[in-house]
């Protein structure tokens, strides 16, 4: 198998990159293994992994995002916004983060996303306890790896190096989880293809959104998709739907026929994609 794993890659400047972030959380149970999906405030109904592919040189995009970050951070209008001031006081300073940003800052960045040449794809994992127990062995890392594998399975035959710059998120962004995801992706790939068709060398490069501005783009895109599934709110998604190449609602078995759990700009998400809390 040609695909391989590593923390940092040689010749990063000459490799293809994808930038991955997430929305929601991988929490299913609270204290004493009590289910808390849809019950405890702050626990999401789904977990989303998203990947951004830029179609323009990366460094000018980084510079422009940093310029916009400084614009927001130094704007007197935001002087008393706690989330912005807190980030300014920390090492690395302010960076765009959709969950924390006020509406006015979101508008600045969403307008920029409209002008940017990129595409986005995401895998949505509904938090279904039965699937979590029987498919993922009640391990959050296996849940994460399963979603990641579906982002990877169609990337194995393009050839060359593919660097996955992944936002650091606690215990799930570890080598062993990435290796599991790549192995699952390879198994799925080989159900349709032959081993000699695996031509891509995949490397995982854990990054921090505070220091890698390009991750801000995947963060905002994941957040816009999450609002549809968690709240039935489509305004943000509709604003950037032309950038969303694909959304896969992975565990929505009610729409498996004819791949109707796959969404594209021609068949976009709607408020009907809102998830109902699970019944226990």
C-alpha atoms as a PDB file:
ATOM      1  CA  UNK A   1       0.000   0.000   0.000  1.00  0.00           C
ATOM      2  CA  UNK A   2       1.467   3.374  -1.009  1.00  0.00           C
ATOM      3  CA  UNK A   3      -0.587   5.559   1.325  1.00  0.00           C
ATOM      4  CA  UNK A   4       1.278   6.246   4.549  1.00  0.00           C
ATOM      5  CA  UNK A   5       1.050   8.262   7.748  1.00  0.00           C
ATOM      6  CA  UNK A   6       3.345  10.799   9.355  1.00  0.00           C
ATOM      7  CA  UNK A   7       3.099  13.794  11.661  1.00  0.00           C
ATOM      8  CA  UNK A   8       5.104  16.209   9.553  1.00  0.00           C
ATOM      9  CA  UNK A   9       5.928  15.893   5.891  1.00  0.00           C
ATOM     10  CA  UNK A  10       9.008  16.709   3.862  1.00  0.00           C
ATOM     11  CA  UNK A  11       8.626  19.217   1.032  1.00  0.00           C
ATOM     12  CA  UNK A  12       5.345  20.600   2.372  1.00  0.00           C
ATOM     13  CA  UNK A  13       5.630  23.515  -0.026  1.00  0.00           C
ATOM     14  CA  UNK A  14       5.422  21.180  -3.008  1.00  0.00           C
ATOM     15  CA  UNK A  15       2.642  18.927  -1.745  1.00  0.00           C
ATOM     16  CA  UNK A  16      -1.095  19.184  -2.118  1.00  0.00           C
ATOM     17  CA  UNK A  17      -2.905  20.260   1.048  1.00  0.00           C
ATOM     18  CA  UNK A  18      -6.381  19.862   2.485  1.00  0.00           C
ATOM     19  CA  UNK A  19      -7.504  21.680   5.625  1.00  0.00           C
ATOM     20  CA  UNK A  20      -9.809  19.864   8.038  1.00  0.00           C
ATOM     21  CA  UNK A  21     -11.818  21.046  11.007  1.00  0.00           C
ATOM     22  CA  UNK A  22     -14.939  19.934  12.789  1.00  0.00           C
ATOM     23  CA  UNK A  23     -18.211  21.096  14.316  1.00  0.00           C
ATOM     24  CA  UNK A  24     -20.116  19.628  17.203  1.00  0.00           C
ATOM     25  CA  UNK A  25     -18.663  17.110  19.613  1.00  0.00           C
ATOM     26  CA  UNK A  26     -18.207  13.354  19.955  1.00  0.00           C
ATOM     27  CA  UNK A  27     -19.899  13.102  23.376  1.00  0.00           C
ATOM     28  CA  UNK A  28     -22.643  10.516  23.828  1.00  0.00           C
ATOM     29  CA  UNK A  29     -22.764   9.878  27.582  1.00  0.00           C
ATOM     30  CA  UNK A  30     -22.416  11.802  30.801  1.00  0.00           C
ATOM     31  CA  UNK A  31     -21.679  10.666  34.308  1.00  0.00           C
ATOM     32  CA  UNK A  32     -22.484   7.013  35.067  1.00  0.00           C
ATOM     33  CA  UNK A  33     -22.878   6.361  31.329  1.00  0.00           C
ATOM     34  CA  UNK A  34     -26.142   8.291  31.167  1.00  0.00           C
ATOM     35  CA  UNK A  35     -27.088   9.334  27.586  1.00  0.00           C
ATOM     36  CA  UNK A  36     -27.049  13.129  27.229  1.00  0.00           C
ATOM     37  CA  UNK A  37     -27.536  13.702  23.476  1.00  0.00           C
ATOM     38  CA  UNK A  38     -30.318  16.248  23.064  1.00  0.00           C
ATOM     39  CA  UNK A  39     -30.689  16.466  26.835  1.00  0.00           C
ATOM     40  CA  UNK A  40     -27.670  18.318  28.191  1.00  0.00           C
ATOM     41  CA  UNK A  41     -27.100  21.828  26.913  1.00  0.00           C
ATOM     42  CA  UNK A  42     -24.002  22.114  24.753  1.00  0.00           C
ATOM     43  CA  UNK A  43     -24.003  18.481  23.617  1.00  0.00           C
ATOM     44  CA  UNK A  44     -24.548  18.356  19.860  1.00  0.00           C
ATOM     45  CA  UNK A  45     -26.887  16.066  17.934  1.00  0.00           C
ATOM     46  CA  UNK A  46     -24.237  15.346  15.326  1.00  0.00           C
ATOM     47  CA  UNK A  47     -20.521  15.566  14.701  1.00  0.00           C
ATOM     48  CA  UNK A  48     -19.167  17.007  11.449  1.00  0.00           C
ATOM     49  CA  UNK A  49     -15.766  16.691   9.799  1.00  0.00           C
ATOM     50  CA  UNK A  50     -15.106  19.025   6.897  1.00  0.00           C
ATOM     51  CA  UNK A  51     -12.286  19.399   4.382  1.00  0.00           C
ATOM     52  CA  UNK A  52     -11.323  22.476   2.372  1.00  0.00           C
ATOM     53  CA  UNK A  53      -9.433  22.418  -0.919  1.00  0.00           C
ATOM     54  CA  UNK A  54      -8.052  25.760  -2.050  1.00  0.00           C
ATOM     55  CA  UNK A  55      -7.729  26.478  -5.765  1.00  0.00           C
ATOM     56  CA  UNK A  56      -5.208  29.292  -5.389  1.00  0.00           C
ATOM     57  CA  UNK A  57      -1.740  29.720  -3.809  1.00  0.00           C
ATOM     58  CA  UNK A  58      -1.940  29.284  -0.049  1.00  0.00           C
ATOM     59  CA  UNK A  59       0.345  32.017   1.261  1.00  0.00           C
ATOM     60  CA  UNK A  60      -1.596  34.993  -0.152  1.00  0.00           C
ATOM     61  CA  UNK A  61      -4.769  33.533   1.393  1.00  0.00           C
ATOM     62  CA  UNK A  62      -3.037  33.211   4.769  1.00  0.00           C
ATOM     63  CA  UNK A  63      -1.890  36.823   4.549  1.00  0.00           C
ATOM     64  CA  UNK A  64      -5.368  38.080   3.686  1.00  0.00           C
ATOM     65  CA  UNK A  65      -6.982  36.146   6.545  1.00  0.00           C
ATOM     66  CA  UNK A  66      -4.393  37.568   8.958  1.00  0.00           C
ATOM     67  CA  UNK A  67      -5.182  41.035   7.644  1.00  0.00           C
ATOM     68  CA  UNK A  68      -8.885  40.474   8.312  1.00  0.00           C
ATOM     69  CA  UNK A  69      -8.102  39.097  11.770  1.00  0.00           C
ATOM     70  CA  UNK A  70      -6.145  42.249  12.596  1.00  0.00           C
ATOM     71  CA  UNK A  71      -8.948  44.380  11.176  1.00  0.00           C
ATOM     72  CA  UNK A  72     -11.474  42.798  13.535  1.00  0.00           C
ATOM     73  CA  UNK A  73      -9.118  42.688  16.506  1.00  0.00           C
ATOM     74  CA  UNK A  74      -8.266  46.388  16.228  1.00  0.00           C
ATOM     75  CA  UNK A  75     -11.720  47.687  15.343  1.00  0.00           C
ATOM     76  CA  UNK A  76     -13.018  49.891  18.212  1.00  0.00           C
ATOM     77  CA  UNK A  77     -16.500  48.479  17.540  1.00  0.00           C
ATOM     78  CA  UNK A  78     -15.334  45.145  19.003  1.00  0.00           C
ATOM     79  CA  UNK A  79     -13.481  46.635  21.956  1.00  0.00           C
ATOM     80  CA  UNK A  80     -15.953  45.278  24.512  1.00  0.00           C
ATOM     81  CA  UNK A  81     -16.649  41.885  22.914  1.00  0.00           C
ATOM     82  CA  UNK A  82     -15.327  39.349  25.488  1.00  0.00           C
ATOM     83  CA  UNK A  83     -14.585  36.519  23.033  1.00  0.00           C
ATOM     84  CA  UNK A  84     -12.464  38.797  20.832  1.00  0.00           C
ATOM     85  CA  UNK A  85     -10.657  40.483  23.685  1.00  0.00           C
ATOM     86  CA  UNK A  86      -9.886  37.129  25.321  1.00  0.00           C
ATOM     87  CA  UNK A  87      -8.243  35.825  22.150  1.00  0.00           C
ATOM     88  CA  UNK A  88      -6.306  39.055  21.714  1.00  0.00           C
ATOM     89  CA  UNK A  89      -4.840  38.566  25.185  1.00  0.00           C
ATOM     90  CA  UNK A  90      -3.720  34.994  24.492  1.00  0.00           C
ATOM     91  CA  UNK A  91      -0.611  33.849  22.644  1.00  0.00           C
ATOM     92  CA  UNK A  92      -1.222  34.110  18.926  1.00  0.00           C
ATOM     93  CA  UNK A  93      -3.943  36.718  19.233  1.00  0.00           C
ATOM     94  CA  UNK A  94      -7.397  36.833  17.683  1.00  0.00           C
ATOM     95  CA  UNK A  95      -8.465  34.337  15.035  1.00  0.00           C
ATOM     96  CA  UNK A  96     -11.830  33.680  13.382  1.00  0.00           C
ATOM     97  CA  UNK A  97     -13.897  31.007  15.124  1.00  0.00           C
ATOM     98  CA  UNK A  98     -17.542  30.880  14.109  1.00  0.00           C
ATOM     99  CA  UNK A  99     -18.936  29.610  17.411  1.00  0.00           C
ATOM    100  CA  UNK A 100     -17.356  32.447  19.413  1.00  0.00           C
ATOM    101  CA  UNK A 101     -17.490  35.307  16.929  1.00  0.00           C
ATOM    102  CA  UNK A 102     -20.191  37.994  17.089  1.00  0.00           C
ATOM    103  CA  UNK A 103     -22.462  38.404  14.091  1.00  0.00           C
ATOM    104  CA  UNK A 104     -20.558  41.407  12.757  1.00  0.00           C
ATOM    105  CA  UNK A 105     -17.258  39.488  12.695  1.00  0.00           C
ATOM    106  CA  UNK A 106     -18.960  36.534  11.042  1.00  0.00           C
ATOM    107  CA  UNK A 107     -20.244  38.824   8.305  1.00  0.00           C
ATOM    108  CA  UNK A 108     -16.694  40.015   7.626  1.00  0.00           C
ATOM    109  CA  UNK A 109     -15.425  36.475   7.199  1.00  0.00           C
ATOM    110  CA  UNK A 110     -18.430  35.067   5.319  1.00  0.00           C
ATOM    111  CA  UNK A 111     -18.100  37.908   2.808  1.00  0.00           C
ATOM    112  CA  UNK A 112     -14.461  36.971   2.357  1.00  0.00           C
ATOM    113  CA  UNK A 113     -15.367  33.288   1.876  1.00  0.00           C
ATOM    114  CA  UNK A 114     -17.656  34.280  -0.975  1.00  0.00           C
ATOM    115  CA  UNK A 115     -14.722  35.894  -2.767  1.00  0.00           C
ATOM    116  CA  UNK A 116     -12.341  32.992  -2.156  1.00  0.00           C
ATOM    117  CA  UNK A 117     -11.655  30.207  -4.666  1.00  0.00           C
ATOM    118  CA  UNK A 118     -12.080  26.941  -2.773  1.00  0.00           C
ATOM    119  CA  UNK A 119     -14.334  23.904  -2.402  1.00  0.00           C
ATOM    120  CA  UNK A 120     -15.580  22.118   0.686  1.00  0.00           C
ATOM    121  CA  UNK A 121     -16.845  18.658   1.501  1.00  0.00           C
ATOM    122  CA  UNK A 122     -18.125  17.297   4.782  1.00  0.00           C
ATOM    123  CA  UNK A 123     -19.244  14.094   6.442  1.00  0.00           C
ATOM    124  CA  UNK A 124     -22.000  14.378   9.044  1.00  0.00           C
ATOM    125  CA  UNK A 125     -22.280  11.730  11.734  1.00  0.00           C
ATOM    126  CA  UNK A 126     -25.616  11.694  13.493  1.00  0.00           C
ATOM    127  CA  UNK A 127     -25.071  10.669  17.105  1.00  0.00           C
ATOM    128  CA  UNK A 128     -27.111   7.465  17.185  1.00  0.00           C
ATOM    129  CA  UNK A 129     -26.376   5.450  20.351  1.00  0.00           C
ATOM    130  CA  UNK A 130     -26.991   2.048  18.694  1.00  0.00           C
ATOM    131  CA  UNK A 131     -24.439   2.798  15.971  1.00  0.00           C
ATOM    132  CA  UNK A 132     -21.983   4.195  18.507  1.00  0.00           C
ATOM    133  CA  UNK A 133     -22.176   1.019  20.597  1.00  0.00           C
ATOM    134  CA  UNK A 134     -22.206  -1.635  17.863  1.00  0.00           C
ATOM    135  CA  UNK A 135     -20.147   0.025  15.118  1.00  0.00           C
ATOM    136  CA  UNK A 136     -17.739   2.158  17.145  1.00  0.00           C
ATOM    137  CA  UNK A 137     -17.507   0.014  20.300  1.00  0.00           C
ATOM    138  CA  UNK A 138     -18.557   3.057  22.359  1.00  0.00           C
ATOM    139  CA  UNK A 139     -15.229   4.743  21.565  1.00  0.00           C
ATOM    140  CA  UNK A 140     -15.258   8.382  20.470  1.00  0.00           C
ATOM    141  CA  UNK A 141     -11.987   7.857  18.606  1.00  0.00           C
ATOM    142  CA  UNK A 142     -13.590   5.134  16.446  1.00  0.00           C
ATOM    143  CA  UNK A 143     -16.529   7.434  15.721  1.00  0.00           C
ATOM    144  CA  UNK A 144     -14.093  10.140  14.584  1.00  0.00           C
ATOM    145  CA  UNK A 145     -12.033   7.686  12.518  1.00  0.00           C
ATOM    146  CA  UNK A 146     -15.129   6.355  10.749  1.00  0.00           C
ATOM    147  CA  UNK A 147     -16.104   9.842   9.575  1.00  0.00           C
ATOM    148  CA  UNK A 148     -12.546  10.694   8.559  1.00  0.00           C
ATOM    149  CA  UNK A 149     -12.259   7.486   6.539  1.00  0.00           C
ATOM    150  CA  UNK A 150     -15.165   8.580   4.353  1.00  0.00           C
ATOM    151  CA  UNK A 151     -13.348  11.831   3.553  1.00  0.00           C
ATOM    152  CA  UNK A 152     -10.232   9.845   2.636  1.00  0.00           C
ATOM    153  CA  UNK A 153     -11.552   6.909   0.635  1.00  0.00           C
ATOM    154  CA  UNK A 154     -11.820   8.832  -2.641  1.00  0.00           C
ATOM    155  CA  UNK A 155      -8.416  10.494  -2.239  1.00  0.00           C
ATOM    156  CA  UNK A 156      -6.224   7.417  -2.542  1.00  0.00           C
ATOM    157  CA  UNK A 157      -5.714   7.210  -6.285  1.00  0.00           C
ATOM    158  CA  UNK A 158      -4.886  10.762  -7.280  1.00  0.00           C
ATOM    159  CA  UNK A 159      -1.156  10.202  -6.901  1.00  0.00           C
ATOM    160  CA  UNK A 160       1.567  12.271  -5.263  1.00  0.00           C
ATOM    161  CA  UNK A 161       1.568  13.602  -1.711  1.00  0.00           C
ATOM    162  CA  UNK A 162      -1.601  14.731   0.031  1.00  0.00           C
ATOM    163  CA  UNK A 163      -1.077  16.598   3.293  1.00  0.00           C
ATOM    164  CA  UNK A 164      -4.076  16.699   5.598  1.00  0.00           C
ATOM    165  CA  UNK A 165      -3.710  19.724   7.877  1.00  0.00           C
ATOM    166  CA  UNK A 166      -6.075  18.845  10.713  1.00  0.00           C
ATOM    167  CA  UNK A 167      -7.220  21.155  13.493  1.00  0.00           C
ATOM    168  CA  UNK A 168      -6.012  19.884  16.853  1.00  0.00           C
ATOM    169  CA  UNK A 169      -8.978  18.684  18.920  1.00  0.00           C
ATOM    170  CA  UNK A 170      -8.010  16.758  22.052  1.00  0.00           C
ATOM    171  CA  UNK A 171      -7.564  13.005  22.191  1.00  0.00           C
ATOM    172  CA  UNK A 172      -9.167  12.184  18.823  1.00  0.00           C
ATOM    173  CA  UNK A 173      -6.473  13.952  16.758  1.00  0.00           C
ATOM    174  CA  UNK A 174      -3.757  11.382  17.421  1.00  0.00           C
ATOM    175  CA  UNK A 175      -1.638   9.182  15.176  1.00  0.00           C
ATOM    176  CA  UNK A 176      -3.434   5.996  16.156  1.00  0.00           C
ATOM    177  CA  UNK A 177      -6.811   7.497  15.202  1.00  0.00           C
ATOM    178  CA  UNK A 178      -5.493   8.739  11.862  1.00  0.00           C
ATOM    179  CA  UNK A 179      -3.998   5.318  11.131  1.00  0.00           C
ATOM    180  CA  UNK A 180      -7.346   3.687  11.908  1.00  0.00           C
ATOM    181  CA  UNK A 181      -9.133   6.119   9.576  1.00  0.00           C
ATOM    182  CA  UNK A 182      -6.678   5.480   6.756  1.00  0.00           C
ATOM    183  CA  UNK A 183      -6.993   1.728   7.194  1.00  0.00           C
ATOM    184  CA  UNK A 184     -10.793   1.945   7.077  1.00  0.00           C
ATOM    185  CA  UNK A 185     -10.587   4.172   3.990  1.00  0.00           C
ATOM    186  CA  UNK A 186      -8.298   1.683   2.282  1.00  0.00           C
ATOM    187  CA  UNK A 187     -10.638  -1.222   2.996  1.00  0.00           C
ATOM    188  CA  UNK A 188     -13.544   0.718   1.489  1.00  0.00           C
ATOM    189  CA  UNK A 189     -11.444   1.726  -1.516  1.00  0.00           C
ATOM    190  CA  UNK A 190     -10.436  -1.884  -2.202  1.00  0.00           C
ATOM    191  CA  UNK A 191     -14.060  -2.975  -2.356  1.00  0.00           C
ATOM    192  CA  UNK A 192     -14.245  -1.140  -5.692  1.00  0.00           C
ATOM    193  CA  UNK A 193     -10.626  -0.866  -6.810  1.00  0.00           C
ATOM    194  CA  UNK A 194      -7.388  -2.872  -6.839  1.00  0.00           C
ATOM    195  CA  UNK A 195      -4.307  -2.309  -4.637  1.00  0.00           C
ATOM    196  CA  UNK A 196      -2.235  -1.046  -7.576  1.00  0.00           C
ATOM    197  CA  UNK A 197      -4.662   1.874  -7.943  1.00  0.00           C
ATOM    198  CA  UNK A 198      -3.629   3.292  -4.563  1.00  0.00           C
ATOM    199  CA  UNK A 199      -1.159   5.943  -5.647  1.00  0.00           C
ATOM    200  CA  UNK A 200      -1.486   8.717  -3.066  1.00  0.00           C
ATOM    201  CA  UNK A 201       0.866   9.170  -0.119  1.00  0.00           C
ATOM    202  CA  UNK A 202      -1.199  10.647   2.704  1.00  0.00           C
ATOM    203  CA  UNK A 203       0.377  12.549   5.587  1.00  0.00           C
ATOM    204  CA  UNK A 204      -1.376  13.952   8.659  1.00  0.00           C
ATOM    205  CA  UNK A 205      -0.200  17.296   9.980  1.00  0.00           C
ATOM    206  CA  UNK A 206      -1.926  18.438  13.185  1.00  0.00           C
ATOM    207  CA  UNK A 207      -2.222  22.218  13.263  1.00  0.00           C
ATOM    208  CA  UNK A 208      -3.672  24.859  15.568  1.00  0.00           C
ATOM    209  CA  UNK A 209      -6.373  27.249  14.293  1.00  0.00           C
ATOM    210  CA  UNK A 210      -4.677  30.063  16.188  1.00  0.00           C
ATOM    211  CA  UNK A 211      -1.511  29.732  14.110  1.00  0.00           C
ATOM    212  CA  UNK A 212      -2.816  28.309  10.804  1.00  0.00           C
ATOM    213  CA  UNK A 213      -5.341  30.828   9.387  1.00  0.00           C
ATOM    214  CA  UNK A 214      -6.451  28.478   6.605  1.00  0.00           C
ATOM    215  CA  UNK A 215      -8.178  26.323   9.225  1.00  0.00           C
ATOM    216  CA  UNK A 216     -10.488  29.290   9.915  1.00  0.00           C
ATOM    217  CA  UNK A 217     -12.104  28.587   6.540  1.00  0.00           C
ATOM    218  CA  UNK A 218     -12.924  24.958   7.327  1.00  0.00           C
ATOM    219  CA  UNK A 219     -14.161  25.985  10.782  1.00  0.00           C
ATOM    220  CA  UNK A 220     -16.674  28.449   9.324  1.00  0.00           C
ATOM    221  CA  UNK A 221     -17.818  26.014   6.652  1.00  0.00           C
ATOM    222  CA  UNK A 222     -18.386  23.231   9.194  1.00  0.00           C
ATOM    223  CA  UNK A 223     -20.290  25.642  11.427  1.00  0.00           C
ATOM    224  CA  UNK A 224     -22.583  26.716   8.561  1.00  0.00           C
ATOM    225  CA  UNK A 225     -23.436  23.076   7.792  1.00  0.00           C
ATOM    226  CA  UNK A 226     -23.905  22.285  11.469  1.00  0.00           C
ATOM    227  CA  UNK A 227     -26.523  25.037  11.838  1.00  0.00           C
ATOM    228  CA  UNK A 228     -28.666  23.251   9.269  1.00  0.00           C
ATOM    229  CA  UNK A 229     -28.546  19.901  11.040  1.00  0.00           C
ATOM    230  CA  UNK A 230     -28.792  21.206  14.596  1.00  0.00           C
ATOM    231  CA  UNK A 231     -31.291  24.058  14.127  1.00  0.00           C
ATOM    232  CA  UNK A 232     -32.740  23.832  10.637  1.00  0.00           C
ATOM    233  CA  UNK A 233     -31.132  27.231  10.028  1.00  0.00           C
ATOM    234  CA  UNK A 234     -30.048  27.586   6.399  1.00  0.00           C
ATOM    235  CA  UNK A 235     -29.091  31.262   6.029  1.00  0.00           C
ATOM    236  CA  UNK A 236     -25.342  30.739   6.456  1.00  0.00           C
ATOM    237  CA  UNK A 237     -25.227  27.547   4.402  1.00  0.00           C
ATOM    238  CA  UNK A 238     -27.240  29.108   1.577  1.00  0.00           C
ATOM    239  CA  UNK A 239     -24.875  32.067   1.499  1.00  0.00           C
ATOM    240  CA  UNK A 240     -21.863  29.820   0.714  1.00  0.00           C
ATOM    241  CA  UNK A 241     -23.613  26.788  -0.845  1.00  0.00           C
ATOM    242  CA  UNK A 242     -21.725  27.315  -4.114  1.00  0.00           C
ATOM    243  CA  UNK A 243     -18.535  26.370  -2.202  1.00  0.00           C
ATOM    244  CA  UNK A 244     -20.012  23.168  -0.761  1.00  0.00           C
ATOM    245  CA  UNK A 245     -19.182  20.403  -3.226  1.00  0.00           C
ATOM    246  CA  UNK A 246     -20.554  17.571  -1.087  1.00  0.00           C
ATOM    247  CA  UNK A 247     -22.180  16.823   2.259  1.00  0.00           C
ATOM    248  CA  UNK A 248     -22.707  13.187   3.232  1.00  0.00           C
ATOM    249  CA  UNK A 249     -25.249  12.487   5.983  1.00  0.00           C
ATOM    250  CA  UNK A 250     -23.460   9.252   6.804  1.00  0.00           C
ATOM    251  CA  UNK A 251     -25.875   7.464   9.121  1.00  0.00           C
ATOM    252  CA  UNK A 252     -29.161   8.694   7.673  1.00  0.00           C
ATOM    253  CA  UNK A 253     -30.328   5.218   6.635  1.00  0.00           C
ATOM    254  CA  UNK A 254     -33.776   6.534   5.681  1.00  0.00           C
ATOM    255  CA  UNK A 255     -32.169   8.174   2.632  1.00  0.00           C
ATOM    256  CA  UNK A 256     -29.659   5.512   1.575  1.00  0.00           C
ATOM    257  CA  UNK A 257     -31.741   4.573  -1.482  1.00  0.00           C
ATOM    258  CA  UNK A 258     -30.284   6.231  -4.613  1.00  0.00           C
ATOM    259  CA  UNK A 259     -27.657   7.903  -2.392  1.00  0.00           C
ATOM    260  CA  UNK A 260     -30.169  10.499  -1.245  1.00  0.00           C
ATOM    261  CA  UNK A 261     -28.048  11.090   1.844  1.00  0.00           C
ATOM    262  CA  UNK A 262     -25.572  12.871  -0.479  1.00  0.00           C
ATOM    263  CA  UNK A 263     -26.071  16.632  -0.924  1.00  0.00           C
ATOM    264  CA  UNK A 264     -24.559  18.944  -3.550  1.00  0.00           C
ATOM    265  CA  UNK A 265     -25.239  22.493  -4.798  1.00  0.00           C
ATOM    266  CA  UNK A 266     -27.773  20.993  -7.225  1.00  0.00           C
ATOM    267  CA  UNK A 267     -29.423  19.090  -4.388  1.00  0.00           C
ATOM    268  CA  UNK A 268     -28.745  21.293  -1.364  1.00  0.00           C
ATOM    269  CA  UNK A 269     -29.507  20.880   2.282  1.00  0.00           C
ATOM    270  CA  UNK A 270     -32.748  22.411   3.523  1.00  0.00           C
ATOM    271  CA  UNK A 271     -34.415  23.011   6.864  1.00  0.00           C
ATOM    272  CA  UNK A 272     -35.829  19.471   6.534  1.00  0.00           C
ATOM    273  CA  UNK A 273     -32.343  18.145   7.309  1.00  0.00           C
ATOM    274  CA  UNK A 274     -32.725  19.244  10.914  1.00  0.00           C
ATOM    275  CA  UNK A 275     -32.062  16.315  13.247  1.00  0.00           C
ATOM    276  CA  UNK A 276     -34.529  15.363  15.950  1.00  0.00           C
ATOM    277  CA  UNK A 277     -33.116  14.382  19.349  1.00  0.00           C
ATOM    278  CA  UNK A 278     -32.875  10.607  19.816  1.00  0.00           C
ATOM    279  CA  UNK A 279     -35.565   8.824  21.806  1.00  0.00           C
ATOM    280  CA  UNK A 280     -34.248   6.757  24.695  1.00  0.00           C
END
